[in-house]
Amino acid sequence: MRFDLTTRQRLRRGLMKRGSVLATLLSEVLAGKARAPSLGAMGIMARPGMKPEEALRKALDELETRRKLLDAEDDRFGRCDVCATDLGEAALGEMPWADRCQAHAG
């Protein structure tokens, strides 16, 4: 087990908080209550031509994947999806949904 219970709980809270923000934003965009935010500023990368609601749904799906890995105590959580480099607790504390190291983030 890579993370102790306290760390896993803290990371899970961070994931859930991010999910709540994204879900609220998605519902507001779909209801026409809010203009689509600058997704790049939120760390959401959208392909050219992708609608904001599609990008938000994709981000929520990816977030759920990270949560499932964490809950299953899967060793892939907290590692780069490309090279398997450990992202480190400090980086995960800032962005528990991170799935790429700095070299592969862009």
PDB file of N, CA and C in Angstrom:
ATOM      1  N   MET A   1       0.845  -1.171   0.000  1.00  0.00           N
ATOM      2  CA  MET A   1       0.000   0.000   0.000  1.00  0.00           C
ATOM      3  C   MET A   1       0.900   1.247   0.000  1.00  0.00           C
ATOM      4  N   ARG A   2       0.732   2.095  -1.015  1.00  0.00           N
ATOM      5  CA  ARG A   2       1.589   3.277  -1.158  1.00  0.00           C
ATOM      6  C   ARG A   2       1.220   4.405  -0.208  1.00  0.00           C
ATOM      7  N   PHE A   3      -0.059   4.561   0.087  1.00  0.00           N
ATOM      8  CA  PHE A   3      -0.510   5.681   0.914  1.00  0.00           C
ATOM      9  C   PHE A   3      -1.190   5.159   2.170  1.00  0.00           C
ATOM     10  N   ASP A   4      -0.902   5.813   3.291  1.00  0.00           N
ATOM     11  CA  ASP A   4      -1.578   5.413   4.522  1.00  0.00           C
ATOM     12  C   ASP A   4      -3.032   5.900   4.482  1.00  0.00           C
ATOM     13  N   LEU A   5      -3.819   5.444   5.423  1.00  0.00           N
ATOM     14  CA  LEU A   5      -5.247   5.740   5.432  1.00  0.00           C
ATOM     15  C   LEU A   5      -5.524   7.240   5.473  1.00  0.00           C
ATOM     16  N   THR A   6      -4.809   7.970   6.299  1.00  0.00           N
ATOM     17  CA  THR A   6      -5.024   9.418   6.415  1.00  0.00           C
ATOM     18  C   THR A   6      -4.743  10.112   5.092  1.00  0.00           C
ATOM     19  N   THR A   7      -3.679   9.733   4.420  1.00  0.00           N
ATOM     20  CA  THR A   7      -3.329  10.334   3.132  1.00  0.00           C
ATOM     21  C   THR A   7      -4.382   9.988   2.089  1.00  0.00           C
ATOM     22  N   ARG A   8      -4.818   8.734   2.057  1.00  0.00           N
ATOM     23  CA  ARG A   8      -5.853   8.334   1.094  1.00  0.00           C
ATOM     24  C   ARG A   8      -7.138   9.121   1.322  1.00  0.00           C
ATOM     25  N   GLN A   9      -7.509   9.316   2.575  1.00  0.00           N
ATOM     26  CA  GLN A   9      -8.718  10.077   2.877  1.00  0.00           C
ATOM     27  C   GLN A   9      -8.582  11.527   2.422  1.00  0.00           C
ATOM     28  N   ARG A  10      -7.415  12.115   2.655  1.00  0.00           N
ATOM     29  CA  ARG A  10      -7.181  13.502   2.234  1.00  0.00           C
ATOM     30  C   ARG A  10      -7.235  13.620   0.714  1.00  0.00           C
ATOM     31  N   LEU A  11      -6.612  12.678   0.016  1.00  0.00           N
ATOM     32  CA  LEU A  11      -6.622  12.693  -1.442  1.00  0.00           C
ATOM     33  C   LEU A  11      -8.040  12.486  -1.980  1.00  0.00           C
ATOM     34  N   ARG A  12      -8.777  11.596  -1.347  1.00  0.00           N
ATOM     35  CA  ARG A  12     -10.155  11.341  -1.779  1.00  0.00           C
ATOM     36  C   ARG A  12     -11.017  12.590  -1.600  1.00  0.00           C
ATOM     37  N   ARG A  13     -10.842  13.296  -0.471  1.00  0.00           N
ATOM     38  CA  ARG A  13     -11.585  14.547  -0.266  1.00  0.00           C
ATOM     39  C   ARG A  13     -11.267  15.553  -1.369  1.00  0.00           C
ATOM     40  N   GLY A  14     -10.004  15.638  -1.757  1.00  0.00           N
ATOM     41  CA  GLY A  14      -9.617  16.536  -2.844  1.00  0.00           C
ATOM     42  C   GLY A  14     -10.267  16.153  -4.162  1.00  0.00           C
ATOM     43  N   LEU A  15     -10.311  14.861  -4.446  1.00  0.00           N
ATOM     44  CA  LEU A  15     -10.970  14.390  -5.662  1.00  0.00           C
ATOM     45  C   LEU A  15     -12.460  14.706  -5.646  1.00  0.00           C
ATOM     46  N   MET A  16     -13.095  14.467  -4.519  1.00  0.00           N
ATOM     47  CA  MET A  16     -14.529  14.699  -4.404  1.00  0.00           C
ATOM     48  C   MET A  16     -14.859  16.197  -4.503  1.00  0.00           C
ATOM     49  N   LYS A  17     -14.019  17.031  -3.928  1.00  0.00           N
ATOM     50  CA  LYS A  17     -14.239  18.474  -4.013  1.00  0.00           C
ATOM     51  C   LYS A  17     -14.143  18.941  -5.462  1.00  0.00           C
ATOM     52  N   ARG A  18     -13.124  18.469  -6.163  1.00  0.00           N
ATOM     53  CA  ARG A  18     -12.964  18.814  -7.579  1.00  0.00           C
ATOM     54  C   ARG A  18     -14.169  18.308  -8.379  1.00  0.00           C
ATOM     55  N   GLY A  19     -14.628  17.100  -8.096  1.00  0.00           N
ATOM     56  CA  GLY A  19     -15.784  16.550  -8.789  1.00  0.00           C
ATOM     57  C   GLY A  19     -17.031  17.381  -8.561  1.00  0.00           C
ATOM     58  N   SER A  20     -17.213  17.851  -7.348  1.00  0.00           N
ATOM     59  CA  SER A  20     -18.363  18.687  -7.033  1.00  0.00           C
ATOM     60  C   SER A  20     -18.327  19.995  -7.813  1.00  0.00           C
ATOM     61  N   VAL A  21     -17.157  20.606  -7.889  1.00  0.00           N
ATOM     62  CA  VAL A  21     -17.004  21.856  -8.638  1.00  0.00           C
ATOM     63  C   VAL A  21     -17.317  21.625 -10.121  1.00  0.00           C
ATOM     64  N   LEU A  22     -16.751  20.569 -10.693  1.00  0.00           N
ATOM     65  CA  LEU A  22     -16.964  20.284 -12.109  1.00  0.00           C
ATOM     66  C   LEU A  22     -18.422  19.933 -12.400  1.00  0.00           C
ATOM     67  N   ALA A  23     -19.051  19.145 -11.527  1.00  0.00           N
ATOM     68  CA  ALA A  23     -20.451  18.759 -11.733  1.00  0.00           C
ATOM     69  C   ALA A  23     -21.374  19.972 -11.651  1.00  0.00           C
ATOM     70  N   THR A  24     -21.114  20.855 -10.700  1.00  0.00           N
ATOM     71  CA  THR A  24     -21.914  22.068 -10.580  1.00  0.00           C
ATOM     72  C   THR A  24     -21.752  22.938 -11.818  1.00  0.00           C
ATOM     73  N   LEU A  25     -20.528  23.102 -12.265  1.00  0.00           N
ATOM     74  CA  LEU A  25     -20.269  23.900 -13.454  1.00  0.00           C
ATOM     75  C   LEU A  25     -20.943  23.294 -14.682  1.00  0.00           C
ATOM     76  N   LEU A  26     -20.855  21.987 -14.825  1.00  0.00           N
ATOM     77  CA  LEU A  26     -21.498  21.313 -15.953  1.00  0.00           C
ATOM     78  C   LEU A  26     -23.003  21.545 -15.925  1.00  0.00           C
ATOM     79  N   SER A  27     -23.618  21.397 -14.776  1.00  0.00           N
ATOM     80  CA  SER A  27     -25.075  21.593 -14.698  1.00  0.00           C
ATOM     81  C   SER A  27     -25.458  23.031 -15.034  1.00  0.00           C
ATOM     82  N   GLU A  28     -24.646  23.989 -14.608  1.00  0.00           N
ATOM     83  CA  GLU A  28     -24.925  25.390 -14.908  1.00  0.00           C
ATOM     84  C   GLU A  28     -24.754  25.686 -16.396  1.00  0.00           C
ATOM     85  N   VAL A  29     -23.731  25.115 -17.006  1.00  0.00           N
ATOM     86  CA  VAL A  29     -23.513  25.307 -18.447  1.00  0.00           C
ATOM     87  C   VAL A  29     -24.670  24.689 -19.226  1.00  0.00           C
ATOM     88  N   LEU A  30     -25.064  23.460 -18.862  1.00  0.00           N
ATOM     89  CA  LEU A  30     -26.156  22.783 -19.561  1.00  0.00           C
ATOM     90  C   LEU A  30     -27.489  23.506 -19.392  1.00  0.00           C
ATOM     91  N   ALA A  31     -27.695  24.127 -18.247  1.00  0.00           N
ATOM     92  CA  ALA A  31     -28.940  24.856 -17.987  1.00  0.00           C
ATOM     93  C   ALA A  31     -28.917  26.269 -18.568  1.00  0.00           C
ATOM     94  N   GLY A  32     -27.787  26.661 -19.127  1.00  0.00           N
ATOM     95  CA  GLY A  32     -27.671  27.995 -19.689  1.00  0.00           C
ATOM     96  C   GLY A  32     -27.509  29.074 -18.643  1.00  0.00           C
ATOM     97  N   LYS A  33     -27.216  28.694 -17.410  1.00  0.00           N
ATOM     98  CA  LYS A  33     -27.070  29.665 -16.319  1.00  0.00           C
ATOM     99  C   LYS A  33     -25.687  30.293 -16.275  1.00  0.00           C
ATOM    100  N   ALA A  34     -24.721  29.623 -16.877  1.00  0.00           N
ATOM    101  CA  ALA A  34     -23.344  30.128 -16.818  1.00  0.00           C
ATOM    102  C   ALA A  34     -22.699  30.002 -18.186  1.00  0.00           C
ATOM    103  N   ARG A  35     -21.882  30.968 -18.505  1.00  0.00           N
ATOM    104  CA  ARG A  35     -21.069  30.845 -19.708  1.00  0.00           C
ATOM    105  C   ARG A  35     -19.976  29.838 -19.426  1.00  0.00           C
ATOM    106  N   ALA A  36     -19.553  29.191 -20.455  1.00  0.00           N
ATOM    107  CA  ALA A  36     -18.474  28.211 -20.294  1.00  0.00           C
ATOM    108  C   ALA A  36     -17.219  28.942 -19.825  1.00  0.00           C
ATOM    109  N   PRO A  37     -16.589  28.449 -18.785  1.00  0.00           N
ATOM    110  CA  PRO A  37     -15.374  29.089 -18.280  1.00  0.00           C
ATOM    111  C   PRO A  37     -14.191  28.782 -19.183  1.00  0.00           C
ATOM    112  N   SER A  38     -13.106  29.428 -18.901  1.00  0.00           N
ATOM    113  CA  SER A  38     -11.863  29.086 -19.576  1.00  0.00           C
ATOM    114  C   SER A  38     -11.416  27.745 -19.008  1.00  0.00           C
ATOM    115  N   LEU A  39     -11.640  26.686 -19.771  1.00  0.00           N
ATOM    116  CA  LEU A  39     -11.336  25.353 -19.277  1.00  0.00           C
ATOM    117  C   LEU A  39      -9.843  25.164 -19.056  1.00  0.00           C
ATOM    118  N   GLY A  40      -9.027  25.773 -19.906  1.00  0.00           N
ATOM    119  CA  GLY A  40      -7.578  25.670 -19.744  1.00  0.00           C
ATOM    120  C   GLY A  40      -7.124  26.219 -18.408  1.00  0.00           C
ATOM    121  N   ALA A  41      -7.772  27.287 -17.944  1.00  0.00           N
ATOM    122  CA  ALA A  41      -7.426  27.868 -16.653  1.00  0.00           C
ATOM    123  C   ALA A  41      -7.766  26.913 -15.505  1.00  0.00           C
ATOM    124  N   MET A  42      -8.697  25.996 -15.754  1.00  0.00           N
ATOM    125  CA  MET A  42      -9.082  25.014 -14.746  1.00  0.00           C
ATOM    126  C   MET A  42      -8.275  23.727 -14.888  1.00  0.00           C
ATOM    127  N   GLY A  43      -7.353  23.717 -15.844  1.00  0.00           N
ATOM    128  CA  GLY A  43      -6.538  22.527 -16.042  1.00  0.00           C
ATOM    129  C   GLY A  43      -7.227  21.454 -16.862  1.00  0.00           C
ATOM    130  N   ILE A  44      -8.275  21.832 -17.579  1.00  0.00           N
ATOM    131  CA  ILE A  44      -9.009  20.885 -18.413  1.00  0.00           C
ATOM    132  C   ILE A  44      -8.598  21.105 -19.856  1.00  0.00           C
ATOM    133  N   MET A  45      -8.016  20.082 -20.440  1.00  0.00           N
ATOM    134  CA  MET A  45      -7.575  20.176 -21.819  1.00  0.00           C
ATOM    135  C   MET A  45      -8.664  19.632 -22.741  1.00  0.00           C
ATOM    136  N   ALA A  46      -9.143  20.492 -23.631  1.00  0.00           N
ATOM    137  CA  ALA A  46     -10.175  20.091 -24.578  1.00  0.00           C
ATOM    138  C   ALA A  46      -9.569  20.019 -25.973  1.00  0.00           C
ATOM    139  N   ARG A  47      -9.988  19.014 -26.707  1.00  0.00           N
ATOM    140  CA  ARG A  47      -9.546  18.910 -28.098  1.00  0.00           C
ATOM    141  C   ARG A  47     -10.190  20.039 -28.897  1.00  0.00           C
ATOM    142  N   PRO A  48      -9.556  20.475 -29.971  1.00  0.00           N
ATOM    143  CA  PRO A  48     -10.158  21.510 -30.815  1.00  0.00           C
ATOM    144  C   PRO A  48     -11.549  21.071 -31.282  1.00  0.00           C
ATOM    145  N   GLY A  49     -12.502  21.970 -31.185  1.00  0.00           N
ATOM    146  CA  GLY A  49     -13.861  21.685 -31.605  1.00  0.00           C
ATOM    147  C   GLY A  49     -14.724  21.025 -30.544  1.00  0.00           C
ATOM    148  N   MET A  50     -14.138  20.669 -29.415  1.00  0.00           N
ATOM    149  CA  MET A  50     -14.892  20.019 -28.346  1.00  0.00           C
ATOM    150  C   MET A  50     -15.731  21.063 -27.622  1.00  0.00           C
ATOM    151  N   LYS A  51     -16.994  20.754 -27.396  1.00  0.00           N
ATOM    152  CA  LYS A  51     -17.871  21.654 -26.658  1.00  0.00           C
ATOM    153  C   LYS A  51     -17.463  21.655 -25.188  1.00  0.00           C
ATOM    154  N   PRO A  52     -17.693  22.779 -24.502  1.00  0.00           N
ATOM    155  CA  PRO A  52     -17.328  22.848 -23.077  1.00  0.00           C
ATOM    156  C   PRO A  52     -17.975  21.743 -22.246  1.00  0.00           C
ATOM    157  N   GLU A  53     -19.227  21.426 -22.532  1.00  0.00           N
ATOM    158  CA  GLU A  53     -19.888  20.383 -21.755  1.00  0.00           C
ATOM    159  C   GLU A  53     -19.263  19.012 -22.006  1.00  0.00           C
ATOM    160  N   GLU A  54     -18.767  18.778 -23.209  1.00  0.00           N
ATOM    161  CA  GLU A  54     -18.075  17.521 -23.506  1.00  0.00           C
ATOM    162  C   GLU A  54     -16.759  17.445 -22.729  1.00  0.00           C
ATOM    163  N   ALA A  55     -16.043  18.559 -22.695  1.00  0.00           N
ATOM    164  CA  ALA A  55     -14.774  18.597 -21.965  1.00  0.00           C
ATOM    165  C   ALA A  55     -15.002  18.401 -20.465  1.00  0.00           C
ATOM    166  N   LEU A  56     -16.059  18.994 -19.929  1.00  0.00           N
ATOM    167  CA  LEU A  56     -16.370  18.836 -18.507  1.00  0.00           C
ATOM    168  C   LEU A  56     -16.765  17.394 -18.194  1.00  0.00           C
ATOM    169  N   ARG A  57     -17.546  16.779 -19.057  1.00  0.00           N
ATOM    170  CA  ARG A  57     -17.927  15.368 -18.842  1.00  0.00           C
ATOM    171  C   ARG A  57     -16.695  14.468 -18.888  1.00  0.00           C
ATOM    172  N   LYS A  58     -15.809  14.740 -19.844  1.00  0.00           N
ATOM    173  CA  LYS A  58     -14.581  13.955 -19.954  1.00  0.00           C
ATOM    174  C   LYS A  58     -13.746  14.107 -18.684  1.00  0.00           C
ATOM    175  N   ALA A  59     -13.630  15.344 -18.189  1.00  0.00           N
ATOM    176  CA  ALA A  59     -12.869  15.596 -16.957  1.00  0.00           C
ATOM    177  C   ALA A  59     -13.496  14.863 -15.772  1.00  0.00           C
ATOM    178  N   LEU A  60     -14.815  14.836 -15.697  1.00  0.00           N
ATOM    179  CA  LEU A  60     -15.494  14.108 -14.625  1.00  0.00           C
ATOM    180  C   LEU A  60     -15.250  12.609 -14.730  1.00  0.00           C
ATOM    181  N   ASP A  61     -15.279  12.077 -15.947  1.00  0.00           N
ATOM    182  CA  ASP A  61     -15.002  10.647 -16.150  1.00  0.00           C
ATOM    183  C   ASP A  61     -13.581  10.301 -15.711  1.00  0.00           C
ATOM    184  N   GLU A  62     -12.628  11.152 -16.088  1.00  0.00           N
ATOM    185  CA  GLU A  62     -11.232  10.917 -15.708  1.00  0.00           C
ATOM    186  C   GLU A  62     -11.062  11.005 -14.189  1.00  0.00           C
ATOM    187  N   LEU A  63     -11.755  11.942 -13.584  1.00  0.00           N
ATOM    188  CA  LEU A  63     -11.709  12.093 -12.131  1.00  0.00           C
ATOM    189  C   LEU A  63     -12.254  10.839 -11.441  1.00  0.00           C
ATOM    190  N   GLU A  64     -13.341  10.308 -11.968  1.00  0.00           N
ATOM    191  CA  GLU A  64     -13.927   9.091 -11.403  1.00  0.00           C
ATOM    192  C   GLU A  64     -12.961   7.916 -11.540  1.00  0.00           C
ATOM    193  N   THR A  65     -12.252   7.842 -12.634  1.00  0.00           N
ATOM    194  CA  THR A  65     -11.247   6.794 -12.821  1.00  0.00           C
ATOM    195  C   THR A  65     -10.166   6.899 -11.758  1.00  0.00           C
ATOM    196  N   ARG A  66      -9.704   8.120 -11.483  1.00  0.00           N
ATOM    197  CA  ARG A  66      -8.675   8.324 -10.454  1.00  0.00           C
ATOM    198  C   ARG A  66      -9.205   7.909  -9.081  1.00  0.00           C
ATOM    199  N   ARG A  67     -10.473   8.267  -8.785  1.00  0.00           N
ATOM    200  CA  ARG A  67     -11.063   7.911  -7.488  1.00  0.00           C
ATOM    201  C   ARG A  67     -11.149   6.399  -7.318  1.00  0.00           C
ATOM    202  N   LYS A  68     -11.545   5.721  -8.376  1.00  0.00           N
ATOM    203  CA  LYS A  68     -11.642   4.260  -8.305  1.00  0.00           C
ATOM    204  C   LYS A  68     -10.275   3.631  -8.058  1.00  0.00           C
ATOM    205  N   LEU A  69      -9.243   4.166  -8.703  1.00  0.00           N
ATOM    206  CA  LEU A  69      -7.893   3.647  -8.476  1.00  0.00           C
ATOM    207  C   LEU A  69      -7.476   3.856  -7.023  1.00  0.00           C
ATOM    208  N   LEU A  70      -7.750   5.036  -6.500  1.00  0.00           N
ATOM    209  CA  LEU A  70      -7.396   5.338  -5.115  1.00  0.00           C
ATOM    210  C   LEU A  70      -8.154   4.423  -4.154  1.00  0.00           C
ATOM    211  N   ASP A  71      -9.460   4.299  -4.361  1.00  0.00           N
ATOM    212  CA  ASP A  71     -10.276   3.471  -3.467  1.00  0.00           C
ATOM    213  C   ASP A  71      -9.862   2.001  -3.509  1.00  0.00           C
ATOM    214  N   ALA A  72      -9.405   1.547  -4.668  1.00  0.00           N
ATOM    215  CA  ALA A  72      -8.971   0.157  -4.814  1.00  0.00           C
ATOM    216  C   ALA A  72      -7.525  -0.039  -4.344  1.00  0.00           C
ATOM    217  N   GLU A  73      -6.903   1.055  -3.895  1.00  0.00           N
ATOM    218  CA  GLU A  73      -5.494   1.039  -3.488  1.00  0.00           C
ATOM    219  C   GLU A  73      -4.622   0.506  -4.621  1.00  0.00           C
ATOM    220  N   ASP A  74      -5.017   0.856  -5.831  1.00  0.00           N
ATOM    221  CA  ASP A  74      -4.292   0.460  -7.034  1.00  0.00           C
ATOM    222  C   ASP A  74      -3.001   1.278  -7.125  1.00  0.00           C
ATOM    223  N   ASP A  75      -1.904   0.617  -7.367  1.00  0.00           N
ATOM    224  CA  ASP A  75      -0.594   1.270  -7.418  1.00  0.00           C
ATOM    225  C   ASP A  75      -0.487   2.281  -8.558  1.00  0.00           C
ATOM    226  N   ARG A  76      -1.392   2.235  -9.515  1.00  0.00           N
ATOM    227  CA  ARG A  76      -1.344   3.200 -10.627  1.00  0.00           C
ATOM    228  C   ARG A  76      -1.769   4.599 -10.205  1.00  0.00           C
ATOM    229  N   PHE A  77      -2.541   4.697  -9.096  1.00  0.00           N
ATOM    230  CA  PHE A  77      -2.922   6.026  -8.622  1.00  0.00           C
ATOM    231  C   PHE A  77      -1.663   6.758  -8.160  1.00  0.00           C
ATOM    232  N   GLY A  78      -1.523   8.002  -8.604  1.00  0.00           N
ATOM    233  CA  GLY A  78      -0.373   8.804  -8.191  1.00  0.00           C
ATOM    234  C   GLY A  78       0.860   8.565  -9.031  1.00  0.00           C
ATOM    235  N   ARG A  79       0.682   7.887 -10.161  1.00  0.00           N
ATOM    236  CA  ARG A  79       1.780   7.658 -11.092  1.00  0.00           C
ATOM    237  C   ARG A  79       1.370   8.193 -12.464  1.00  0.00           C
ATOM    238  N   CYS A  80       2.357   8.592 -13.235  1.00  0.00           N
ATOM    239  CA  CYS A  80       2.116   9.081 -14.587  1.00  0.00           C
ATOM    240  C   CYS A  80       1.535   7.948 -15.436  1.00  0.00           C
ATOM    241  N   ASP A  81       0.468   8.238 -16.158  1.00  0.00           N
ATOM    242  CA  ASP A  81      -0.148   7.245 -17.033  1.00  0.00           C
ATOM    243  C   ASP A  81       0.746   6.870 -18.209  1.00  0.00           C
ATOM    244  N   VAL A  82       1.721   7.705 -18.520  1.00  0.00           N
ATOM    245  CA  VAL A  82       2.594   7.444 -19.661  1.00  0.00           C
ATOM    246  C   VAL A  82       3.842   6.669 -19.258  1.00  0.00           C
ATOM    247  N   CYS A  83       4.546   7.153 -18.226  1.00  0.00           N
ATOM    248  CA  CYS A  83       5.847   6.562 -17.882  1.00  0.00           C
ATOM    249  C   CYS A  83       5.889   5.909 -16.502  1.00  0.00           C
ATOM    250  N   ALA A  84       4.793   5.980 -15.751  1.00  0.00           N
ATOM    251  CA  ALA A  84       4.666   5.384 -14.413  1.00  0.00           C
ATOM    252  C   ALA A  84       5.549   6.028 -13.352  1.00  0.00           C
ATOM    253  N   THR A  85       6.066   7.220 -13.621  1.00  0.00           N
ATOM    254  CA  THR A  85       6.827   7.960 -12.614  1.00  0.00           C
ATOM    255  C   THR A  85       5.919   8.343 -11.461  1.00  0.00           C
ATOM    256  N   ASP A  86       6.413   8.195 -10.241  1.00  0.00           N
ATOM    257  CA  ASP A  86       5.653   8.587  -9.060  1.00  0.00           C
ATOM    258  C   ASP A  86       5.507  10.108  -9.064  1.00  0.00           C
ATOM    259  N   LEU A  87       4.281  10.591  -8.942  1.00  0.00           N
ATOM    260  CA  LEU A  87       4.033  12.033  -8.976  1.00  0.00           C
ATOM    261  C   LEU A  87       4.375  12.706  -7.654  1.00  0.00           C
ATOM    262  N   GLY A  88       4.412  11.954  -6.579  1.00  0.00           N
ATOM    263  CA  GLY A  88       4.793  12.500  -5.279  1.00  0.00           C
ATOM    264  C   GLY A  88       3.602  13.040  -4.507  1.00  0.00           C
ATOM    265  N   GLU A  89       3.662  12.886  -3.195  1.00  0.00           N
ATOM    266  CA  GLU A  89       2.564  13.323  -2.336  1.00  0.00           C
ATOM    267  C   GLU A  89       2.339  14.824  -2.386  1.00  0.00           C
ATOM    268  N   ALA A  90       3.406  15.605  -2.522  1.00  0.00           N
ATOM    269  CA  ALA A  90       3.244  17.065  -2.565  1.00  0.00           C
ATOM    270  C   ALA A  90       2.419  17.481  -3.779  1.00  0.00           C
ATOM    271  N   ALA A  91       2.742  16.935  -4.936  1.00  0.00           N
ATOM    272  CA  ALA A  91       2.005  17.259  -6.161  1.00  0.00           C
ATOM    273  C   ALA A  91       0.568  16.760  -6.077  1.00  0.00           C
ATOM    274  N   LEU A  92       0.387  15.562  -5.551  1.00  0.00           N
ATOM    275  CA  LEU A  92      -0.965  15.013  -5.416  1.00  0.00           C
ATOM    276  C   LEU A  92      -1.779  15.787  -4.392  1.00  0.00           C
ATOM    277  N   GLY A  93      -1.120  16.349  -3.401  1.00  0.00           N
ATOM    278  CA  GLY A  93      -1.824  17.184  -2.437  1.00  0.00           C
ATOM    279  C   GLY A  93      -2.422  18.414  -3.095  1.00  0.00           C
ATOM    280  N   GLU A  94      -1.722  18.926  -4.092  1.00  0.00           N
ATOM    281  CA  GLU A  94      -2.205  20.086  -4.850  1.00  0.00           C
ATOM    282  C   GLU A  94      -3.257  19.684  -5.878  1.00  0.00           C
ATOM    283  N   MET A  95      -3.013  18.571  -6.559  1.00  0.00           N
ATOM    284  CA  MET A  95      -3.895  18.100  -7.631  1.00  0.00           C
ATOM    285  C   MET A  95      -4.046  16.581  -7.540  1.00  0.00           C
ATOM    286  N   PRO A  96      -4.908  16.089  -6.672  1.00  0.00           N
ATOM    287  CA  PRO A  96      -5.035  14.639  -6.526  1.00  0.00           C
ATOM    288  C   PRO A  96      -5.549  13.944  -7.786  1.00  0.00           C
ATOM    289  N   TRP A  97      -6.073  14.698  -8.722  1.00  0.00           N
ATOM    290  CA  TRP A  97      -6.564  14.134  -9.976  1.00  0.00           C
ATOM    291  C   TRP A  97      -5.475  14.044 -11.046  1.00  0.00           C
ATOM    292  N   ALA A  98      -4.261  14.471 -10.716  1.00  0.00           N
ATOM    293  CA  ALA A  98      -3.166  14.447 -11.703  1.00  0.00           C
ATOM    294  C   ALA A  98      -2.926  13.031 -12.204  1.00  0.00           C
ATOM    295  N   ASP A  99      -2.678  12.927 -13.513  1.00  0.00           N
ATOM    296  CA  ASP A  99      -2.438  11.623 -14.108  1.00  0.00           C
ATOM    297  C   ASP A  99      -1.204  11.600 -15.009  1.00  0.00           C
ATOM    298  N   ARG A 100      -0.462  12.710 -15.020  1.00  0.00           N
ATOM    299  CA  ARG A 100       0.744  12.784 -15.836  1.00  0.00           C
ATOM    300  C   ARG A 100       1.837  13.538 -15.085  1.00  0.00           C
ATOM    301  N   CYS A 101       3.076  13.153 -15.333  1.00  0.00           N
ATOM    302  CA  CYS A 101       4.208  13.873 -14.751  1.00  0.00           C
ATOM    303  C   CYS A 101       4.422  15.159 -15.565  1.00  0.00           C
ATOM    304  N   GLN A 102       5.307  16.006 -15.104  1.00  0.00           N
ATOM    305  CA  GLN A 102       5.551  17.268 -15.808  1.00  0.00           C
ATOM    306  C   GLN A 102       6.036  17.038 -17.240  1.00  0.00           C
ATOM    307  N   ALA A 103       6.834  16.016 -17.446  1.00  0.00           N
ATOM    308  CA  ALA A 103       7.358  15.746 -18.783  1.00  0.00           C
ATOM    309  C   ALA A 103       6.267  15.363 -19.768  1.00  0.00           C
ATOM    310  N   HIS A 104       5.181  14.767 -19.282  1.00  0.00           N
ATOM    311  CA  HIS A 104       4.123  14.307 -20.182  1.00  0.00           C
ATOM    312  C   HIS A 104       2.828  15.111 -20.055  1.00  0.00           C
ATOM    313  N   ALA A 105       2.818  16.135 -19.250  1.00  0.00           N
ATOM    314  CA  ALA A 105       1.612  16.919 -19.021  1.00  0.00           C
ATOM    315  C   ALA A 105       1.201  17.745 -20.244  1.00  0.00           C
ATOM    316  N   GLY A 106       2.156  18.169 -21.026  1.00  0.00           N
ATOM    317  CA  GLY A 106       1.848  19.041 -22.165  1.00  0.00           C
ATOM    318  C   GLY A 106       1.686  18.282 -23.399  1.00  0.00           C
TER     319      GLY A 106
END
